[in-house]
């Protein structure tokens, strides 16, 4: 059944949850070639772009709780993709050489993900949707 045919299609919670599940499935398929979940991949992209980034900064940008960031970092450490250093009370996260080697494949996965959803929605509609969802998310911040 299509989401629009559901008796709950007028409900923000139901519709956004249905959309999130569909986008998550597409994202998982897109990131599968590098063996990372979407959350791990976006965290790693941030670490690659900002070596020495602090977990607090990662949490802010990924909109995740500190405990979730810690678990994601631990998993990436197990995969030998990041290392943490501590200087006093400050923790910094750095990419490993292995992560740097993986970076082109990661970017290919990101491109594939964008091509998949923008191909289904249209490029212009994709941009508008992301902008609208960002505005709505910001309004509901509280």
C-alpha atoms as a PDB file:
ATOM      1  CA  UNK A   1       0.000   0.000   0.000  1.00  0.00           C
ATOM      2  CA  UNK A   2       1.245   3.464  -0.815  1.00  0.00           C
ATOM      3  CA  UNK A   3       1.710   5.881   2.068  1.00  0.00           C
ATOM      4  CA  UNK A   4      -0.895   8.191   0.524  1.00  0.00           C
ATOM      5  CA  UNK A   5      -3.478   5.391   0.631  1.00  0.00           C
ATOM      6  CA  UNK A   6      -3.117   4.831   4.364  1.00  0.00           C
ATOM      7  CA  UNK A   7      -5.810   6.060   6.730  1.00  0.00           C
ATOM      8  CA  UNK A   8      -3.010   7.885   8.586  1.00  0.00           C
ATOM      9  CA  UNK A   9      -1.650   9.788   5.569  1.00  0.00           C
ATOM     10  CA  UNK A  10      -2.763  13.135   7.028  1.00  0.00           C
ATOM     11  CA  UNK A  11      -0.698  12.558  10.180  1.00  0.00           C
ATOM     12  CA  UNK A  12       2.729  14.225  10.380  1.00  0.00           C
ATOM     13  CA  UNK A  13       4.139  11.492  12.603  1.00  0.00           C
ATOM     14  CA  UNK A  14       2.982   8.641  10.372  1.00  0.00           C
ATOM     15  CA  UNK A  15       4.023  10.289   7.115  1.00  0.00           C
ATOM     16  CA  UNK A  16       7.472  11.383   8.284  1.00  0.00           C
ATOM     17  CA  UNK A  17       8.114   7.979   9.879  1.00  0.00           C
ATOM     18  CA  UNK A  18       7.118   6.217   6.648  1.00  0.00           C
ATOM     19  CA  UNK A  19       9.374   8.567   4.674  1.00  0.00           C
ATOM     20  CA  UNK A  20      12.239   8.013   7.140  1.00  0.00           C
ATOM     21  CA  UNK A  21      11.978   4.223   6.751  1.00  0.00           C
ATOM     22  CA  UNK A  22      12.046   4.478   2.958  1.00  0.00           C
ATOM     23  CA  UNK A  23      14.973   6.905   2.956  1.00  0.00           C
ATOM     24  CA  UNK A  24      16.818   4.742   5.507  1.00  0.00           C
ATOM     25  CA  UNK A  25      16.420   1.667   3.275  1.00  0.00           C
ATOM     26  CA  UNK A  26      17.796   3.576   0.290  1.00  0.00           C
ATOM     27  CA  UNK A  27      20.663   4.972   2.366  1.00  0.00           C
ATOM     28  CA  UNK A  28      21.612   1.547   3.733  1.00  0.00           C
ATOM     29  CA  UNK A  29      21.700   0.142   0.210  1.00  0.00           C
ATOM     30  CA  UNK A  30      23.802   3.095  -0.962  1.00  0.00           C
ATOM     31  CA  UNK A  31      26.372   2.780   1.851  1.00  0.00           C
ATOM     32  CA  UNK A  32      26.556  -1.021   1.707  1.00  0.00           C
ATOM     33  CA  UNK A  33      29.573  -1.092  -0.702  1.00  0.00           C
ATOM     34  CA  UNK A  34      31.813   0.413   2.013  1.00  0.00           C
ATOM     35  CA  UNK A  35      30.353  -1.670   4.839  1.00  0.00           C
ATOM     36  CA  UNK A  36      29.127   1.314   6.829  1.00  0.00           C
ATOM     37  CA  UNK A  37      25.741   2.338   8.104  1.00  0.00           C
ATOM     38  CA  UNK A  38      24.599   5.793   7.003  1.00  0.00           C
ATOM     39  CA  UNK A  39      25.245   7.197  10.502  1.00  0.00           C
ATOM     40  CA  UNK A  40      28.771   5.785  10.580  1.00  0.00           C
ATOM     41  CA  UNK A  41      29.430   7.109   7.093  1.00  0.00           C
ATOM     42  CA  UNK A  42      28.308  10.657   7.845  1.00  0.00           C
ATOM     43  CA  UNK A  43      30.328  10.712  11.052  1.00  0.00           C
ATOM     44  CA  UNK A  44      33.382   9.480   9.164  1.00  0.00           C
ATOM     45  CA  UNK A  45      32.875  12.073   6.415  1.00  0.00           C
ATOM     46  CA  UNK A  46      32.881  14.784   9.065  1.00  0.00           C
ATOM     47  CA  UNK A  47      36.059  13.387  10.660  1.00  0.00           C
ATOM     48  CA  UNK A  48      37.733  13.218   7.236  1.00  0.00           C
ATOM     49  CA  UNK A  49      36.766  16.825   6.509  1.00  0.00           C
ATOM     50  CA  UNK A  50      37.659  18.067  10.009  1.00  0.00           C
ATOM     51  CA  UNK A  51      40.506  15.957  11.446  1.00  0.00           C
ATOM     52  CA  UNK A  52      40.668  16.433  15.210  1.00  0.00           C
ATOM     53  CA  UNK A  53      36.961  17.173  15.500  1.00  0.00           C
ATOM     54  CA  UNK A  54      35.488  16.891  18.983  1.00  0.00           C
ATOM     55  CA  UNK A  55      32.612  14.491  19.729  1.00  0.00           C
ATOM     56  CA  UNK A  56      30.416  17.401  20.871  1.00  0.00           C
ATOM     57  CA  UNK A  57      30.787  19.008  17.445  1.00  0.00           C
ATOM     58  CA  UNK A  58      29.942  15.700  15.769  1.00  0.00           C
ATOM     59  CA  UNK A  59      26.798  15.391  17.893  1.00  0.00           C
ATOM     60  CA  UNK A  60      25.671  18.887  16.983  1.00  0.00           C
ATOM     61  CA  UNK A  61      26.132  18.384  13.249  1.00  0.00           C
ATOM     62  CA  UNK A  62      24.686  14.879  13.145  1.00  0.00           C
ATOM     63  CA  UNK A  63      21.868  15.816  15.544  1.00  0.00           C
ATOM     64  CA  UNK A  64      22.684  12.843  17.793  1.00  0.00           C
ATOM     65  CA  UNK A  65      23.059  12.399  21.544  1.00  0.00           C
ATOM     66  CA  UNK A  66      26.545  12.104  23.068  1.00  0.00           C
ATOM     67  CA  UNK A  67      26.007   8.412  23.935  1.00  0.00           C
ATOM     68  CA  UNK A  68      25.128   7.655  20.312  1.00  0.00           C
ATOM     69  CA  UNK A  69      28.192   9.542  19.066  1.00  0.00           C
ATOM     70  CA  UNK A  70      30.366   7.545  21.482  1.00  0.00           C
ATOM     71  CA  UNK A  71      28.966   4.233  20.174  1.00  0.00           C
ATOM     72  CA  UNK A  72      29.476   5.302  16.546  1.00  0.00           C
ATOM     73  CA  UNK A  73      33.068   6.356  17.243  1.00  0.00           C
ATOM     74  CA  UNK A  74      33.760   3.070  19.057  1.00  0.00           C
ATOM     75  CA  UNK A  75      32.512   1.078  16.081  1.00  0.00           C
ATOM     76  CA  UNK A  76      34.671   3.119  13.682  1.00  0.00           C
ATOM     77  CA  UNK A  77      37.649   2.559  15.993  1.00  0.00           C
ATOM     78  CA  UNK A  78      37.003  -1.200  15.845  1.00  0.00           C
ATOM     79  CA  UNK A  79      37.056  -0.940  12.052  1.00  0.00           C
ATOM     80  CA  UNK A  80      40.366   0.978  12.303  1.00  0.00           C
ATOM     81  CA  UNK A  81      38.847   4.025  10.596  1.00  0.00           C
ATOM     82  CA  UNK A  82      39.242   6.599  13.387  1.00  0.00           C
ATOM     83  CA  UNK A  83      41.387   7.160  16.460  1.00  0.00           C
ATOM     84  CA  UNK A  84      40.637   9.255  19.522  1.00  0.00           C
ATOM     85  CA  UNK A  85      43.188  11.319  21.381  1.00  0.00           C
ATOM     86  CA  UNK A  86      42.682  12.991  24.724  1.00  0.00           C
ATOM     87  CA  UNK A  87      44.385  16.186  25.768  1.00  0.00           C
ATOM     88  CA  UNK A  88      43.302  17.011  29.308  1.00  0.00           C
ATOM     89  CA  UNK A  89      39.515  17.054  29.177  1.00  0.00           C
ATOM     90  CA  UNK A  90      39.356  17.437  25.395  1.00  0.00           C
ATOM     91  CA  UNK A  91      38.837  14.458  23.096  1.00  0.00           C
ATOM     92  CA  UNK A  92      39.642  14.749  19.403  1.00  0.00           C
ATOM     93  CA  UNK A  93      38.757  12.283  16.653  1.00  0.00           C
ATOM     94  CA  UNK A  94      41.082  11.728  13.693  1.00  0.00           C
ATOM     95  CA  UNK A  95      40.760   9.627  10.536  1.00  0.00           C
ATOM     96  CA  UNK A  96      43.217   6.793  10.051  1.00  0.00           C
ATOM     97  CA  UNK A  97      45.168   6.202   6.831  1.00  0.00           C
ATOM     98  CA  UNK A  98      42.657   3.421   6.087  1.00  0.00           C
ATOM     99  CA  UNK A  99      39.786   5.935   6.317  1.00  0.00           C
ATOM    100  CA  UNK A 100      41.615   8.296   3.986  1.00  0.00           C
ATOM    101  CA  UNK A 101      42.033   5.476   1.458  1.00  0.00           C
ATOM    102  CA  UNK A 102      38.314   4.706   1.725  1.00  0.00           C
ATOM    103  CA  UNK A 103      37.281   8.340   1.230  1.00  0.00           C
ATOM    104  CA  UNK A 104      36.789   8.189  -2.585  1.00  0.00           C
ATOM    105  CA  UNK A 105      34.522   5.133  -2.223  1.00  0.00           C
ATOM    106  CA  UNK A 106      32.609   6.856   0.563  1.00  0.00           C
ATOM    107  CA  UNK A 107      32.045   9.866  -1.647  1.00  0.00           C
ATOM    108  CA  UNK A 108      30.888   7.549  -4.462  1.00  0.00           C
ATOM    109  CA  UNK A 109      28.325   6.076  -2.053  1.00  0.00           C
ATOM    110  CA  UNK A 110      27.118   9.547  -1.123  1.00  0.00           C
ATOM    111  CA  UNK A 111      26.798  10.434  -4.802  1.00  0.00           C
ATOM    112  CA  UNK A 112      24.906   7.193  -5.464  1.00  0.00           C
ATOM    113  CA  UNK A 113      22.511   7.926  -2.600  1.00  0.00           C
ATOM    114  CA  UNK A 114      21.809  11.414  -3.972  1.00  0.00           C
ATOM    115  CA  UNK A 115      21.342  10.072  -7.502  1.00  0.00           C
ATOM    116  CA  UNK A 116      18.891   7.444  -6.272  1.00  0.00           C
ATOM    117  CA  UNK A 117      16.579   9.785  -4.395  1.00  0.00           C
ATOM    118  CA  UNK A 118      16.927  12.727  -6.781  1.00  0.00           C
ATOM    119  CA  UNK A 119      16.258  10.361  -9.671  1.00  0.00           C
ATOM    120  CA  UNK A 120      13.031   9.250  -8.026  1.00  0.00           C
ATOM    121  CA  UNK A 121      11.924  12.717  -6.916  1.00  0.00           C
ATOM    122  CA  UNK A 122      13.562  14.958  -9.473  1.00  0.00           C
ATOM    123  CA  UNK A 123      16.540  17.172  -8.673  1.00  0.00           C
ATOM    124  CA  UNK A 124      14.557  20.358  -8.137  1.00  0.00           C
ATOM    125  CA  UNK A 125      11.969  18.630  -5.953  1.00  0.00           C
ATOM    126  CA  UNK A 126      14.764  16.979  -3.948  1.00  0.00           C
ATOM    127  CA  UNK A 127      16.368  20.322  -3.163  1.00  0.00           C
ATOM    128  CA  UNK A 128      13.022  21.868  -2.203  1.00  0.00           C
ATOM    129  CA  UNK A 129      12.099  18.882  -0.027  1.00  0.00           C
ATOM    130  CA  UNK A 130      15.375  18.962   1.906  1.00  0.00           C
ATOM    131  CA  UNK A 131      15.035  22.718   2.417  1.00  0.00           C
ATOM    132  CA  UNK A 132      11.428  22.363   3.601  1.00  0.00           C
ATOM    133  CA  UNK A 133      12.235  19.512   5.957  1.00  0.00           C
ATOM    134  CA  UNK A 134      15.146  21.503   7.394  1.00  0.00           C
ATOM    135  CA  UNK A 135      12.880  24.471   8.093  1.00  0.00           C
ATOM    136  CA  UNK A 136      10.237  22.242   9.700  1.00  0.00           C
ATOM    137  CA  UNK A 137      12.825  20.470  11.856  1.00  0.00           C
ATOM    138  CA  UNK A 138      14.202  23.830  13.008  1.00  0.00           C
ATOM    139  CA  UNK A 139      10.701  25.093  13.879  1.00  0.00           C
ATOM    140  CA  UNK A 140      10.014  21.988  15.954  1.00  0.00           C
ATOM    141  CA  UNK A 141      13.309  22.372  17.857  1.00  0.00           C
ATOM    142  CA  UNK A 142      12.572  22.732  21.474  1.00  0.00           C
END
